[in-house]
Protein backbone atom coordinates (compact mmCIF):
# COMPACT_ATOMS: atom_id res chain seq x y z
CA MET A 1 99.34 204.49 121.69
CA ALA A 2 97.66 202.92 118.66
CA TRP A 3 100.73 203.66 116.52
CA ILE A 4 102.78 201.31 118.72
CA SER A 5 100.35 198.48 118.00
CA LYS A 6 100.44 199.23 114.27
CA LEU A 7 104.23 199.38 114.27
CA GLY A 8 104.46 196.07 116.13
CA THR A 9 102.10 194.43 113.64
CA ALA A 10 104.09 195.78 110.71
CA MET A 11 107.37 194.55 112.18
CA ALA A 12 105.92 191.11 112.87
CA LEU A 13 104.62 190.89 109.30
CA ALA A 14 107.98 191.95 107.93
CA MET A 15 109.72 189.24 109.93
CA VAL A 16 107.33 186.59 108.64
CA LEU A 17 107.85 187.72 105.05
CA ALA A 18 111.61 187.76 105.51
CA VAL A 19 111.77 184.11 106.60
CA PRO A 20 111.71 181.70 103.66
CA SER A 21 109.01 179.10 103.92
CA THR A 22 110.03 175.46 103.50
CA GLY A 23 106.47 174.24 103.53
CA GLU A 24 107.33 171.94 106.44
CA GLU A 25 105.72 171.96 109.87
CA VAL A 26 108.05 173.34 112.53
CA PRO A 27 108.68 170.51 115.03
CA PHE A 28 107.19 171.01 118.47
CA LYS A 29 109.75 172.09 121.03
CA PRO A 30 108.73 171.80 124.69
CA GLY A 31 108.98 175.06 126.62
CA PRO A 32 109.01 176.07 130.29
CA LYS A 33 105.28 175.37 130.61
CA ASN A 34 105.98 171.73 129.73
CA ASP A 35 108.35 171.41 132.68
CA PRO A 36 106.48 170.37 135.85
CA GLU A 37 109.11 172.16 137.92
CA THR A 38 107.64 175.40 136.55
CA CYS A 39 104.50 174.81 138.63
CA ARG A 40 105.91 172.72 141.47
CA THR A 41 104.00 174.80 144.02
CA LEU A 42 100.73 173.37 142.65
CA TRP A 43 101.60 169.72 143.18
CA GLU A 44 104.57 169.36 145.50
CA GLY A 45 102.33 168.53 148.46
CA ILE A 46 101.10 165.29 146.86
CA GLY A 47 103.12 164.60 143.70
CA LEU A 48 101.97 164.44 140.10
CA PRO A 49 99.79 161.53 138.98
CA GLU A 50 101.86 158.84 137.27
CA ASN A 51 100.81 156.82 134.25
CA ALA A 52 101.61 153.12 134.16
CA ALA A 53 101.50 153.05 130.34
CA GLU A 54 104.74 152.92 128.38
CA ASP A 55 103.74 155.48 125.73
CA ASP A 56 104.75 158.51 127.76
CA ASP A 57 106.00 160.14 124.55
CA GLU A 58 102.32 160.66 123.72
CA ARG A 59 101.80 162.74 126.86
CA HIS A 60 102.77 166.31 127.64
CA ILE A 61 102.68 168.08 130.97
CA VAL A 62 101.32 171.62 130.70
CA CYS A 63 101.61 174.11 133.57
CA HIS A 64 99.06 176.86 133.82
CA THR A 65 98.92 179.49 136.53
CA ARG A 66 96.58 177.64 138.91
CA TYR A 67 96.33 174.15 137.41
CA VAL A 68 98.58 171.56 135.80
CA LEU A 69 97.62 168.75 133.44
CA SER A 70 98.88 165.82 131.43
CA HIS A 71 97.64 165.91 127.84
CA ASN A 72 97.25 162.70 125.85
CA SER A 73 98.05 163.11 122.15
CA GLY A 74 96.11 159.95 121.31
CA THR A 75 92.82 161.09 122.82
CA ARG A 76 93.47 164.85 122.38
CA THR A 77 92.22 165.33 125.92
CA PRO A 78 93.86 165.50 129.34
CA ASP A 79 94.45 162.27 131.26
CA TRP A 80 94.29 164.32 134.44
CA VAL A 81 93.99 167.94 135.54
CA LEU A 82 95.27 168.84 139.00
CA GLU A 83 94.29 171.94 140.96
CA HIS A 84 95.55 173.22 144.28
CA LEU A 85 92.30 174.93 145.26
CA THR A 86 92.56 177.76 147.78
CA ARG A 87 90.18 180.39 149.12
CA LYS A 88 92.32 183.15 147.62
CA GLN A 89 91.46 182.17 144.04
CA LEU A 90 87.71 182.04 144.66
CA GLY A 91 85.77 185.26 144.16
CA LYS A 92 82.64 186.64 142.53
CA LYS A 93 83.78 187.26 138.96
CA LYS A 94 81.33 186.02 136.34
CA ARG A 95 82.36 183.61 133.62
CA PRO A 96 84.14 185.66 130.94
CA GLU A 97 82.79 185.98 127.43
CA THR A 98 85.72 184.18 125.86
CA GLY A 99 85.99 181.39 123.36
CA PHE A 100 87.73 178.06 123.77
CA LYS A 101 91.19 177.95 122.27
CA PRO A 102 93.92 175.44 121.34
CA ASP A 103 96.74 175.19 123.85
CA PRO A 104 99.95 176.61 122.33
CA SER A 105 102.01 174.47 124.73
CA LEU A 106 101.10 171.32 122.77
CA PRO A 107 102.08 169.95 119.34
CA LYS A 108 99.86 171.63 116.78
CA ASP A 109 98.87 168.36 115.09
CA LYS A 110 97.93 166.67 118.40
CA ARG A 111 95.76 169.26 120.09
CA ALA A 112 92.01 169.72 119.91
CA VAL A 113 90.46 172.72 118.18
CA ASP A 114 86.98 174.22 118.27
CA ALA A 115 86.03 172.63 114.95
CA ASP A 116 86.36 169.18 116.55
CA TYR A 117 83.47 169.97 118.91
CA ARG A 118 81.34 172.03 116.56
CA GLY A 119 78.12 170.21 115.70
CA SER A 120 79.05 167.20 117.87
CA LYS A 121 76.20 167.74 120.39
CA PHE A 122 78.74 167.36 123.21
CA ASP A 123 79.59 170.14 125.64
CA ARG A 124 83.11 171.43 125.87
CA GLY A 125 83.49 170.14 129.42
CA HIS A 126 85.98 171.89 131.70
CA GLN A 127 88.01 169.61 133.95
CA ALA A 128 89.30 172.48 136.07
CA PRO A 129 86.12 174.61 136.03
CA SER A 130 86.40 178.31 135.33
CA ALA A 131 84.50 179.10 138.54
CA ASP A 132 87.41 177.65 140.52
CA PHE A 133 89.35 180.78 139.51
CA SER A 134 86.61 183.36 139.97
CA ALA A 135 88.85 185.85 141.79
CA SER A 136 90.45 186.78 138.45
CA LEU A 137 89.11 187.14 134.91
CA GLU A 138 92.59 186.30 133.61
CA LEU A 139 92.70 183.04 135.55
CA MET A 140 89.18 182.16 134.43
CA ALA A 141 90.08 182.81 130.78
CA GLU A 142 93.09 180.53 131.19
CA SER A 143 90.74 177.61 131.91
CA PHE A 144 89.36 177.73 128.35
CA PHE A 145 92.28 175.95 126.70
CA PHE A 146 91.17 172.72 124.99
CA SER A 147 93.88 170.89 126.94
CA ASN A 148 91.51 171.33 129.93
CA ILE A 149 88.43 170.09 128.05
CA VAL A 150 86.76 166.75 127.27
CA PRO A 151 83.51 166.00 125.39
CA GLN A 152 80.76 165.79 128.01
CA VAL A 153 77.06 165.13 127.69
CA GLY A 154 75.47 168.50 128.38
CA LYS A 155 71.86 168.03 129.44
CA GLY A 156 71.59 166.18 132.72
CA PHE A 157 75.33 165.99 133.27
CA ASN A 158 77.81 168.80 132.53
CA ARG A 159 75.20 171.51 133.06
CA ASN A 160 73.50 169.76 135.97
CA ILE A 161 74.78 167.11 138.40
CA TRP A 162 78.46 167.48 137.40
CA LYS A 163 78.16 171.24 137.87
CA GLN A 164 76.63 170.63 141.29
CA LEU A 165 79.59 168.41 142.19
CA GLU A 166 81.90 171.28 141.24
CA ASP A 167 79.80 173.73 143.28
CA LEU A 168 79.88 171.46 146.34
CA THR A 169 83.65 171.09 146.01
CA ARG A 170 84.16 174.86 146.08
CA ARG A 171 81.78 175.14 149.01
CA LEU A 172 84.15 173.00 151.06
CA ILE A 173 86.54 175.95 150.92
CA THR A 174 83.99 178.72 151.47
CA ASP A 175 81.65 177.10 154.02
CA GLY A 176 83.28 178.76 157.00
CA THR A 177 84.73 175.58 158.48
CA GLY A 178 88.24 176.93 158.13
CA ARG A 179 89.39 174.46 155.47
CA PRO A 180 92.21 176.42 153.75
CA GLU A 181 92.99 174.22 150.75
CA LEU A 182 92.10 171.18 148.69
CA TYR A 183 93.74 169.23 145.92
CA VAL A 184 91.27 168.37 143.15
CA ILE A 185 92.13 165.95 140.34
CA THR A 186 89.71 165.45 137.46
CA GLY A 187 89.80 163.48 134.24
CA PRO A 188 88.19 161.01 131.84
CA VAL A 189 87.60 157.27 132.00
CA TYR A 190 87.61 155.69 128.55
CA ARG A 191 85.91 152.70 127.02
CA ASP A 192 86.68 149.09 127.80
CA GLU A 193 89.13 147.70 125.23
CA ASP A 194 86.50 145.17 124.13
CA GLY A 195 83.74 147.76 123.98
CA ARG A 196 81.84 146.20 126.86
CA THR A 197 79.94 147.91 129.64
CA ILE A 198 82.20 148.61 132.63
CA THR A 199 80.76 147.44 135.91
CA ILE A 200 82.36 148.37 139.20
CA ALA A 201 80.95 145.73 141.52
CA ALA A 202 79.93 146.72 145.03
CA ASN A 203 82.24 144.10 146.52
CA THR A 204 85.24 145.59 144.70
CA ASN A 205 84.40 149.12 145.83
CA ALA A 206 85.14 149.89 149.47
CA CYS A 207 82.31 152.44 149.32
CA GLY A 208 79.92 149.58 148.60
CA LYS A 209 78.46 151.15 145.46
CA ARG A 210 77.83 149.35 142.20
CA ILE A 211 78.61 151.69 139.32
CA VAL A 212 77.66 150.78 135.75
CA ILE A 213 79.40 152.65 132.92
CA GLU A 214 77.92 152.11 129.48
CA MET A 215 80.03 152.72 126.41
CA PRO A 216 79.44 156.02 124.59
CA LYS A 217 77.53 155.83 121.32
CA ARG A 218 80.41 157.67 119.64
CA ASP A 219 84.08 156.93 120.24
CA LEU A 220 85.36 160.14 118.65
CA ILE A 221 84.19 163.57 117.61
CA CYS A 222 85.76 165.59 114.84
CA GLY A 223 83.23 168.18 113.78
CA LYS A 224 82.52 168.07 110.06
CA LYS A 225 85.62 166.13 109.05
CA MET A 226 84.91 163.23 106.72
CA LYS A 227 87.29 160.91 108.58
CA CYS A 228 87.45 160.72 112.33
CA GLU A 229 90.48 158.49 112.94
CA GLU A 230 92.26 161.32 114.74
CA GLY A 231 89.33 163.02 116.44
CA VAL A 232 88.78 163.82 120.11
CA ALA A 233 87.98 160.74 122.21
CA VAL A 234 84.63 160.67 124.02
CA PRO A 235 84.92 159.49 127.65
CA ALA A 236 82.64 156.79 129.00
CA ALA A 237 82.81 158.46 132.42
CA LEU A 238 84.49 161.24 134.38
CA TYR A 239 86.31 160.96 137.69
CA LYS A 240 86.96 163.54 140.37
CA ILE A 241 89.22 163.12 143.40
CA ILE A 242 89.01 165.66 146.25
CA TYR A 243 91.83 165.49 148.80
CA ASP A 244 91.98 167.41 152.06
CA PRO A 245 95.68 167.47 153.05
CA ASN A 246 94.92 168.68 156.57
CA MET A 247 92.44 165.92 157.36
CA LYS A 248 94.40 163.46 155.18
CA ARG A 249 91.32 162.02 153.53
CA ALA A 250 90.06 161.80 149.97
CA ASN A 251 86.68 161.46 148.33
CA ALA A 252 86.51 159.98 144.83
CA PHE A 253 83.70 159.76 142.31
CA ILE A 254 83.28 158.06 138.94
CA MET A 255 80.23 159.29 137.03
CA PRO A 256 79.03 157.94 133.67
CA ASN A 257 79.12 160.49 130.86
CA LYS A 258 75.37 160.44 130.26
CA ASN A 259 72.15 162.29 130.99
CA HIS A 260 71.53 161.73 134.69
CA ASN A 261 67.86 162.58 134.34
CA GLU A 262 67.01 160.98 137.69
CA ALA A 263 69.29 163.38 139.60
CA PRO A 264 66.62 166.13 139.99
CA ASP A 265 64.52 163.68 142.03
CA PHE A 266 67.06 164.05 144.83
CA LYS A 267 66.48 167.21 146.87
CA ASN A 268 70.09 167.15 148.00
CA PRO A 269 72.58 166.58 145.14
CA ALA A 270 75.02 165.00 147.63
CA ASP A 271 72.54 162.13 148.08
CA TYR A 272 72.64 161.41 144.35
CA LEU A 273 76.41 161.80 144.11
CA ARG A 274 76.82 159.24 146.88
CA LYS A 275 75.69 156.60 144.37
CA PHE A 276 78.93 157.17 142.47
CA GLN A 277 81.32 157.39 145.38
CA THR A 278 84.33 155.13 145.16
CA THR A 279 87.94 154.99 146.27
CA VAL A 280 91.05 156.45 144.73
CA GLN A 281 92.25 152.90 144.19
CA VAL A 282 89.24 152.13 141.98
CA VAL A 283 89.93 155.26 139.93
CA GLU A 284 93.52 154.05 139.52
CA ARG A 285 92.27 150.67 138.33
CA HIS A 286 90.13 152.20 135.58
CA THR A 287 92.54 154.89 134.39
CA GLY A 288 96.00 153.32 134.69
CA LEU A 289 97.06 156.27 136.84
CA GLN A 290 98.63 156.34 140.28
CA PHE A 291 97.86 159.23 142.61
CA PHE A 292 99.55 160.79 145.65
CA ARG A 293 102.89 159.10 144.93
CA ASP A 294 104.82 161.67 146.95
CA LEU A 295 102.96 160.89 150.17
CA PRO A 296 104.67 158.48 152.61
CA ALA A 297 103.50 154.91 151.98
CA ARG A 298 101.97 154.64 155.44
CA THR A 299 99.93 157.79 154.83
CA ARG A 300 99.06 157.02 151.21
CA ARG A 301 97.67 153.52 151.65
CA PRO A 302 94.54 154.36 153.68
CA ILE A 303 93.92 157.46 151.56
CA ILE A 304 93.67 155.46 148.33
CA GLU A 305 92.13 152.25 149.73
CA GLN A 306 89.57 153.39 152.27
CA CYS A 307 86.18 154.95 151.62
CA ALA A 308 86.28 158.15 153.63
CA THR A 309 83.11 159.80 154.86
CA MET A 310 81.83 162.16 152.19
CA MET A 311 83.02 165.70 152.92
CA PHE A 312 79.86 167.42 151.70
CA HIS A 313 76.34 166.68 152.89
């Protein structure tokens, strides 16, 4: 069958050579993957997060098979990534040996590429982790688009306590308690406009936790480029919202994007994560997003305002 591949390559090359080049970039044209209706089954139970900002032209919805996201052209990262996590998509496949790749469903001049991260000392941090799709190598590979990635501190965070948060989230589905599904929404929290430390006071957090978010030492990464005006924005923190639609309760966390070197002192990672527990409403306040807009107002209000008991222990 190799001749078919060679013939296809030859035909494709001939088509490229036959089309005159104008030297101009072909304008981005949204496709079916940019239509949220394409993946309605992922979000119809709760609604898509809504952004209060007026620059919606800078944002593009991208549907993937088991997650949907809103990509921000200004930061070159997602504002949010939403998963409808089910037991069916969790398996025992190991992380595939695949590279990270630009998302073809985004404007070419507004999407991150591997060179932006190379040499930056930041991890390429999944928002929807590949292990959430471990029943299928194809689904896991689909999580490696840069539209699903933000710069994360590696040591002490992405490879440690944040990974443990992801593990605990999956365990809620596989722990034998009969929980069939979760909605998980993950994304970045960016710097204060004045460059000041963000402090979430205990008396403004229904969970009673004071969370201090220091500004990152670098605002942008852009690999070896001389100028970094259009690099990938570095988050000051990451948030994760875990919603159980059957129990109608949500846990939310905001964790500074730093080395949490004190986390190993806690025998149970849930005890350390509790320090960063907050409400959905606080996440809204620090991201400009609104969550669960399709839920009835009477149902939504306690979900976003109240500090629910932490689902994992």
